[in-house]
Each structure stands twice: as C-alpha cells, then as structure tokens.
Protein backbone atom coordinates (compact mmCIF):
# COMPACT_ATOMS: atom_id res chain seq x y z
CA MET A 1 80.47 24.68 62.78
CA ALA A 2 79.70 21.73 65.05
CA HIS A 3 83.32 21.65 66.17
CA GLN A 4 83.10 25.32 67.17
CA ILE A 5 79.93 24.68 69.19
CA THR A 6 81.62 21.78 70.99
CA LYS A 7 84.58 23.99 71.90
CA GLY A 8 82.20 26.71 73.07
CA LYS A 9 80.43 24.27 75.38
CA ARG A 10 83.77 23.07 76.78
CA ILE A 11 84.80 26.65 77.46
CA LEU A 12 81.50 27.45 79.20
CA ASP A 13 81.69 24.29 81.33
CA THR A 14 85.21 25.18 82.38
CA LEU A 15 84.24 28.77 83.18
CA LYS A 16 81.36 27.61 85.39
CA SER A 17 83.76 25.68 87.58
CA LEU A 18 86.24 28.56 88.07
CA PRO A 19 86.25 30.86 91.10
CA VAL A 20 85.47 34.56 90.59
CA LYS A 21 89.13 35.63 90.83
CA LYS A 22 90.08 33.29 87.99
CA LEU A 23 87.13 34.51 85.91
CA GLU A 24 88.52 38.04 86.12
CA GLU A 25 91.85 36.77 84.79
CA VAL A 26 90.09 34.95 81.94
CA LEU A 27 88.18 38.11 81.07
CA ASP A 28 91.38 40.18 81.06
CA PHE A 29 93.05 37.66 78.78
CA ALA A 30 90.05 37.54 76.43
CA GLU A 31 90.07 41.34 76.17
CA TYR A 32 93.80 41.24 75.45
CA LEU A 33 93.26 38.73 72.64
CA LYS A 34 90.45 40.85 71.24
CA SER A 35 92.57 44.02 71.24
CA LYS A 36 95.55 42.18 69.74
CA ASP A 37 93.62 41.68 66.50
CA ARG A 38 92.88 45.40 66.22
CA LEU A 39 96.46 46.62 65.83
CA PRO A 40 96.90 49.13 63.03
CA ILE A 41 98.39 47.71 59.86
CA ASN A 42 101.53 49.82 60.17
CA LEU A 43 102.23 48.29 63.62
CA GLN A 44 101.61 44.71 62.50
CA LYS A 45 104.34 44.83 59.85
CA THR A 46 107.59 46.33 60.96
CA LYS A 47 110.01 47.76 58.45
CA ARG A 48 113.61 46.71 58.65
CA ILE A 49 116.11 49.50 58.93
CA LYS A 50 119.59 48.99 57.55
CA LEU A 51 122.25 50.40 59.82
CA PRO A 52 125.77 50.95 58.55
CA VAL A 53 128.19 48.61 60.28
CA PHE A 54 131.32 49.27 58.25
CA HIS A 55 133.11 50.63 61.31
CA ILE A 56 132.64 47.57 63.50
CA GLY A 57 135.92 45.86 64.22
CA ARG A 58 138.01 48.89 63.30
CA ILE A 59 138.11 50.48 66.76
CA ALA A 60 141.57 50.33 68.24
CA LYS A 61 141.76 48.94 71.79
CA GLU A 62 143.51 52.04 73.09
CA ASN A 63 140.48 54.12 72.04
CA LEU A 64 138.33 52.23 74.52
CA ASP A 65 140.75 52.66 77.41
CA ARG A 66 139.23 54.48 80.37
CA SER A 67 141.90 57.14 80.48
CA ASN A 68 141.46 57.89 76.77
CA LEU A 69 137.68 58.05 77.06
CA TYR A 70 137.35 60.11 80.22
CA GLY A 71 140.81 61.56 80.79
CA GLU A 72 141.26 62.72 84.34
CA TYR A 73 137.54 63.42 84.87
CA ILE A 74 136.80 60.07 86.57
CA ASP A 75 139.93 60.24 88.69
CA SER A 76 138.96 63.70 89.97
CA LYS A 77 135.43 62.46 90.84
CA LEU A 78 136.62 59.29 92.56
CA GLY A 79 139.66 60.66 94.31
C-alpha cells in the first residue's frame, strides 16, 4: 500500500509541472486505459477460425495470367 501511495505522489508531482495541453493528453490516455479494462469478455478472447488451405500451391501459373483472368476486357478499356 505504501508503494502505491509513493507512486501516486510521484504522478501528482509530475502532473503539477505539466502545461495544460499536456494535461489534456494525460487525461485522454487515462480514460483510454480505463475503457480498455471494460471490454466485453467475448471481445477480450478471440476465437481462432480454421480456414481450408488445401488449394494453396495448386493454382497453375497460366490461371493467373492477365489475359486468362480478364480476357479482352482490360484491353478494350485501355485501348
């Protein structure tokens, strides 16, 4: 408890020496820290989703070629 009081005094002494603009920033940060503890339980723990990746590495290079993907659409827009 004494350690907490000592830290509190250090914080107050530091705050007294800050200009008003910096005090506003400290207040914003303190409010952020306070709200951070109030997150709903379902947001604090995220569930991992398993995505199927069996197809990765099986895409043929010619399937990613511009002409195969877009055909003549891009050429008609650019030309």
